[in-house]
Amino acid sequence: MRIGFPGTGTAVRHLRPEVAGPEREVPPEPDMMDKETAELAYRRGAGIEVTLLWHRTTGELTVSVTDAVSGASFELPVAADEALAAFHHPYGYAAAQGVAY
């Protein structure tokens, strides 16, 4: 079975990081920071890096945010049912939780 875009005759393929442009950036492989922490999701844009982390021993989820331009960073503990919202909107989530960033 061939997978591609209908009517184009082109097959979908994954780009290697060294040939991917900014609009087709390949996300990094899931990072096993250590045996106690797993990276569940990562995104980067406009100098901001956001990572959703799962701490295996405690079951805790955190969202880590780093601003490469200002050098500022913060980490938020998040509930499982709010993890994706916090990952996609970390500044809004932090403000709603009363966390200074």
N, C-alpha and C. Protein backbone atom coordinates (compact mmCIF):
# COMPACT_ATOMS: atom_id res chain seq x y z
N MET A 1 0.84 -1.18 0.00
CA MET A 1 0.00 0.00 0.00
C MET A 1 0.89 1.23 0.00
N ARG A 2 0.56 2.19 -0.84
CA ARG A 2 1.33 3.41 -0.93
C ARG A 2 0.55 4.54 -0.27
N ILE A 3 1.24 5.30 0.55
CA ILE A 3 0.60 6.42 1.25
C ILE A 3 1.11 7.70 0.64
N GLY A 4 0.23 8.61 0.34
CA GLY A 4 0.64 9.90 -0.23
C GLY A 4 -0.54 10.85 -0.27
N PHE A 5 -0.37 11.91 -1.01
CA PHE A 5 -1.43 12.89 -1.17
C PHE A 5 -2.24 12.51 -2.40
N PRO A 6 -3.57 12.40 -2.28
CA PRO A 6 -4.41 11.98 -3.41
C PRO A 6 -4.22 12.90 -4.61
N GLY A 7 -4.05 12.28 -5.78
CA GLY A 7 -3.96 13.04 -7.01
C GLY A 7 -2.63 13.68 -7.29
N THR A 8 -1.67 13.56 -6.39
CA THR A 8 -0.39 14.23 -6.63
C THR A 8 0.67 13.26 -7.08
N GLY A 9 0.49 11.97 -6.80
CA GLY A 9 1.49 10.99 -7.16
C GLY A 9 2.74 11.06 -6.30
N THR A 10 2.66 11.79 -5.20
CA THR A 10 3.83 11.90 -4.32
C THR A 10 3.59 11.12 -3.05
N ALA A 11 4.59 10.45 -2.62
CA ALA A 11 4.52 9.69 -1.37
C ALA A 11 4.97 10.58 -0.23
N VAL A 12 4.37 10.36 0.92
CA VAL A 12 4.77 11.10 2.12
C VAL A 12 6.07 10.51 2.62
N ARG A 13 7.01 11.35 3.00
CA ARG A 13 8.24 10.86 3.58
C ARG A 13 8.66 11.81 4.69
N HIS A 14 9.40 11.29 5.63
CA HIS A 14 9.87 12.10 6.73
C HIS A 14 11.17 12.78 6.35
N LEU A 15 11.30 14.04 6.68
CA LEU A 15 12.52 14.77 6.39
C LEU A 15 13.53 14.60 7.50
N ARG A 16 14.76 14.46 7.13
CA ARG A 16 15.82 14.43 8.13
C ARG A 16 15.98 15.84 8.69
N PRO A 17 16.37 15.99 9.96
CA PRO A 17 16.51 17.32 10.56
C PRO A 17 17.43 18.25 9.77
N GLU A 18 18.49 17.70 9.15
CA GLU A 18 19.44 18.57 8.45
C GLU A 18 18.88 19.12 7.14
N VAL A 19 17.78 18.53 6.61
CA VAL A 19 17.19 19.06 5.39
C VAL A 19 15.81 19.67 5.62
N ALA A 20 15.31 19.59 6.82
CA ALA A 20 13.99 20.14 7.12
C ALA A 20 14.08 21.65 7.27
N GLY A 21 13.20 22.36 6.61
CA GLY A 21 13.14 23.81 6.76
C GLY A 21 12.34 24.16 8.00
N PRO A 22 12.28 25.45 8.36
CA PRO A 22 11.56 25.85 9.57
C PRO A 22 10.08 25.48 9.54
N GLU A 23 9.46 25.50 8.36
CA GLU A 23 8.04 25.15 8.28
C GLU A 23 7.82 23.65 8.29
N ARG A 24 8.85 22.86 8.14
CA ARG A 24 8.74 21.40 8.15
C ARG A 24 9.73 20.80 9.13
N GLU A 25 9.89 21.45 10.23
CA GLU A 25 10.86 21.01 11.23
C GLU A 25 10.48 19.66 11.82
N VAL A 26 11.45 18.79 11.96
CA VAL A 26 11.23 17.48 12.53
C VAL A 26 11.44 17.58 14.04
N PRO A 27 10.46 17.17 14.85
CA PRO A 27 10.62 17.27 16.30
C PRO A 27 11.71 16.32 16.77
N PRO A 28 12.34 16.66 17.88
CA PRO A 28 13.38 15.78 18.39
C PRO A 28 12.77 14.46 18.87
N GLU A 29 13.59 13.44 18.91
CA GLU A 29 13.13 12.16 19.43
C GLU A 29 12.75 12.34 20.89
N PRO A 30 11.77 11.57 21.38
CA PRO A 30 11.45 11.65 22.81
C PRO A 30 12.70 11.44 23.63
N ASP A 31 12.88 12.29 24.58
CA ASP A 31 14.09 12.29 25.38
C ASP A 31 13.87 11.55 26.69
N MET A 32 14.72 10.63 26.97
CA MET A 32 14.69 9.97 28.27
C MET A 32 15.70 10.73 29.13
N MET A 33 15.28 11.81 29.76
CA MET A 33 16.17 12.66 30.52
C MET A 33 16.93 11.85 31.56
N ASP A 34 16.25 11.01 32.20
CA ASP A 34 16.84 10.02 33.08
C ASP A 34 15.78 8.94 33.23
N LYS A 35 16.04 7.95 34.00
CA LYS A 35 15.06 6.88 34.11
C LYS A 35 13.81 7.30 34.86
N GLU A 36 13.86 8.43 35.53
CA GLU A 36 12.72 8.90 36.33
C GLU A 36 11.84 9.89 35.57
N THR A 37 12.33 10.49 34.49
CA THR A 37 11.60 11.53 33.78
C THR A 37 11.52 11.19 32.30
N ALA A 38 10.34 11.34 31.72
CA ALA A 38 10.14 11.10 30.29
C ALA A 38 9.55 12.35 29.64
N GLU A 39 10.05 12.69 28.46
CA GLU A 39 9.53 13.80 27.68
C GLU A 39 8.34 13.28 26.87
N LEU A 40 7.16 13.84 27.12
CA LEU A 40 5.96 13.40 26.42
C LEU A 40 5.68 14.23 25.18
N ALA A 41 6.02 15.52 25.22
CA ALA A 41 5.78 16.39 24.07
C ALA A 41 6.78 17.54 24.12
N TYR A 42 7.11 18.04 22.92
CA TYR A 42 8.07 19.15 22.81
C TYR A 42 7.66 20.00 21.61
N ARG A 43 7.79 21.31 21.78
CA ARG A 43 7.59 22.21 20.65
C ARG A 43 8.49 23.42 20.82
N ARG A 44 8.81 24.04 19.69
CA ARG A 44 9.68 25.21 19.70
C ARG A 44 9.20 26.17 18.64
N GLY A 45 9.17 27.45 18.98
CA GLY A 45 8.79 28.49 18.03
C GLY A 45 9.04 29.86 18.62
N ALA A 46 9.51 30.76 17.78
CA ALA A 46 9.77 32.15 18.17
C ALA A 46 10.69 32.24 19.39
N GLY A 47 11.64 31.32 19.48
CA GLY A 47 12.60 31.35 20.59
C GLY A 47 12.08 30.76 21.89
N ILE A 48 10.85 30.24 21.88
CA ILE A 48 10.26 29.65 23.08
C ILE A 48 10.27 28.12 22.93
N GLU A 49 10.76 27.42 23.95
CA GLU A 49 10.73 25.96 23.97
C GLU A 49 9.79 25.52 25.08
N VAL A 50 8.88 24.62 24.75
CA VAL A 50 7.91 24.11 25.73
C VAL A 50 8.01 22.59 25.73
N THR A 51 8.13 22.02 26.93
CA THR A 51 8.26 20.57 27.07
C THR A 51 7.27 20.07 28.12
N LEU A 52 6.55 19.00 27.78
CA LEU A 52 5.66 18.33 28.73
C LEU A 52 6.42 17.12 29.26
N LEU A 53 6.59 17.06 30.57
CA LEU A 53 7.38 16.01 31.21
C LEU A 53 6.52 15.17 32.15
N TRP A 54 6.83 13.89 32.20
CA TRP A 54 6.18 12.96 33.13
C TRP A 54 7.26 12.42 34.05
N HIS A 55 7.03 12.56 35.36
CA HIS A 55 7.97 12.08 36.37
C HIS A 55 7.43 10.73 36.85
N ARG A 56 8.12 9.67 36.43
CA ARG A 56 7.61 8.31 36.63
C ARG A 56 7.38 7.93 38.09
N THR A 57 8.31 8.26 38.97
CA THR A 57 8.18 7.80 40.35
C THR A 57 7.03 8.46 41.08
N THR A 58 6.76 9.73 40.78
CA THR A 58 5.69 10.44 41.47
C THR A 58 4.40 10.48 40.65
N GLY A 59 4.50 10.22 39.34
CA GLY A 59 3.34 10.34 38.47
C GLY A 59 3.00 11.77 38.12
N GLU A 60 3.81 12.71 38.57
CA GLU A 60 3.56 14.13 38.34
C GLU A 60 3.86 14.53 36.90
N LEU A 61 3.06 15.46 36.37
CA LEU A 61 3.29 16.06 35.06
C LEU A 61 3.72 17.50 35.27
N THR A 62 4.69 17.94 34.47
CA THR A 62 5.10 19.35 34.52
C THR A 62 5.28 19.86 33.10
N VAL A 63 5.09 21.16 32.95
CA VAL A 63 5.37 21.84 31.69
C VAL A 63 6.54 22.78 31.96
N SER A 64 7.57 22.63 31.16
CA SER A 64 8.78 23.45 31.29
C SER A 64 8.83 24.41 30.11
N VAL A 65 9.08 25.70 30.39
CA VAL A 65 9.12 26.73 29.36
C VAL A 65 10.45 27.47 29.45
N THR A 66 11.12 27.63 28.30
CA THR A 66 12.37 28.38 28.24
C THR A 66 12.29 29.39 27.11
N ASP A 67 12.60 30.65 27.41
CA ASP A 67 12.63 31.71 26.42
C ASP A 67 14.10 31.97 26.09
N ALA A 68 14.53 31.56 24.91
CA ALA A 68 15.94 31.69 24.52
C ALA A 68 16.36 33.14 24.38
N VAL A 69 15.44 34.04 24.02
CA VAL A 69 15.77 35.44 23.84
C VAL A 69 16.09 36.11 25.17
N SER A 70 15.20 35.96 26.15
CA SER A 70 15.39 36.62 27.45
C SER A 70 16.19 35.77 28.42
N GLY A 71 16.26 34.47 28.17
CA GLY A 71 16.94 33.56 29.09
C GLY A 71 16.06 33.14 30.25
N ALA A 72 14.82 33.61 30.28
CA ALA A 72 13.90 33.26 31.37
C ALA A 72 13.35 31.85 31.17
N SER A 73 13.04 31.19 32.27
CA SER A 73 12.43 29.87 32.20
C SER A 73 11.59 29.63 33.45
N PHE A 74 10.63 28.74 33.32
CA PHE A 74 9.83 28.34 34.48
C PHE A 74 9.27 26.96 34.23
N GLU A 75 8.82 26.32 35.31
CA GLU A 75 8.23 24.99 35.23
C GLU A 75 6.95 25.00 36.05
N LEU A 76 5.90 24.40 35.48
CA LEU A 76 4.60 24.36 36.12
C LEU A 76 4.17 22.93 36.40
N PRO A 77 3.72 22.61 37.60
CA PRO A 77 3.07 21.32 37.80
C PRO A 77 1.67 21.41 37.19
N VAL A 78 1.23 20.36 36.50
CA VAL A 78 -0.08 20.38 35.87
C VAL A 78 -0.83 19.09 36.17
N ALA A 79 -2.14 19.20 36.24
CA ALA A 79 -3.00 18.02 36.42
C ALA A 79 -3.11 17.30 35.08
N ALA A 80 -3.31 16.00 35.12
CA ALA A 80 -3.37 15.20 33.90
C ALA A 80 -4.43 15.71 32.93
N ASP A 81 -5.59 16.11 33.45
CA ASP A 81 -6.67 16.57 32.57
C ASP A 81 -6.44 17.98 32.03
N GLU A 82 -5.40 18.67 32.49
CA GLU A 82 -5.08 20.01 32.01
C GLU A 82 -3.72 20.07 31.31
N ALA A 83 -3.06 18.91 31.16
CA ALA A 83 -1.69 18.88 30.65
C ALA A 83 -1.57 19.44 29.24
N LEU A 84 -2.45 19.05 28.32
CA LEU A 84 -2.34 19.55 26.95
C LEU A 84 -2.67 21.03 26.86
N ALA A 85 -3.64 21.50 27.62
CA ALA A 85 -3.95 22.93 27.63
C ALA A 85 -2.76 23.72 28.14
N ALA A 86 -2.12 23.23 29.20
CA ALA A 86 -0.95 23.90 29.76
C ALA A 86 0.22 23.85 28.78
N PHE A 87 0.37 22.74 28.06
CA PHE A 87 1.44 22.60 27.07
C PHE A 87 1.25 23.58 25.92
N HIS A 88 0.02 23.71 25.42
CA HIS A 88 -0.25 24.59 24.28
C HIS A 88 -0.34 26.07 24.67
N HIS A 89 -0.69 26.37 25.92
CA HIS A 89 -0.85 27.76 26.36
C HIS A 89 -0.19 27.96 27.73
N PRO A 90 1.13 27.76 27.82
CA PRO A 90 1.78 27.78 29.14
C PRO A 90 1.70 29.14 29.85
N TYR A 91 1.78 30.24 29.10
CA TYR A 91 1.72 31.55 29.75
C TYR A 91 0.33 31.83 30.29
N GLY A 92 -0.70 31.49 29.54
CA GLY A 92 -2.07 31.66 30.01
C GLY A 92 -2.36 30.75 31.20
N TYR A 93 -1.86 29.51 31.15
CA TYR A 93 -2.06 28.57 32.24
C TYR A 93 -1.36 29.08 33.50
N ALA A 94 -0.14 29.56 33.34
CA ALA A 94 0.61 30.08 34.49
C ALA A 94 -0.13 31.27 35.11
N ALA A 95 -0.63 32.18 34.29
CA ALA A 95 -1.35 33.34 34.79
C ALA A 95 -2.62 32.91 35.52
N ALA A 96 -3.34 31.94 34.97
CA ALA A 96 -4.58 31.46 35.61
C ALA A 96 -4.30 30.78 36.94
N GLN A 97 -3.13 30.19 37.09
CA GLN A 97 -2.75 29.52 38.33
C GLN A 97 -2.08 30.47 39.33
N GLY A 98 -1.86 31.71 38.91
CA GLY A 98 -1.22 32.69 39.79
C GLY A 98 0.29 32.51 39.88
N VAL A 99 0.88 31.86 38.89
CA VAL A 99 2.33 31.62 38.88
C VAL A 99 3.01 32.78 38.15
N ALA A 100 3.95 33.41 38.81
CA ALA A 100 4.72 34.49 38.18
C ALA A 100 5.76 33.88 37.25
N TYR A 101 5.90 34.44 36.09
CA TYR A 101 6.90 33.94 35.15
C TYR A 101 7.74 35.06 34.60
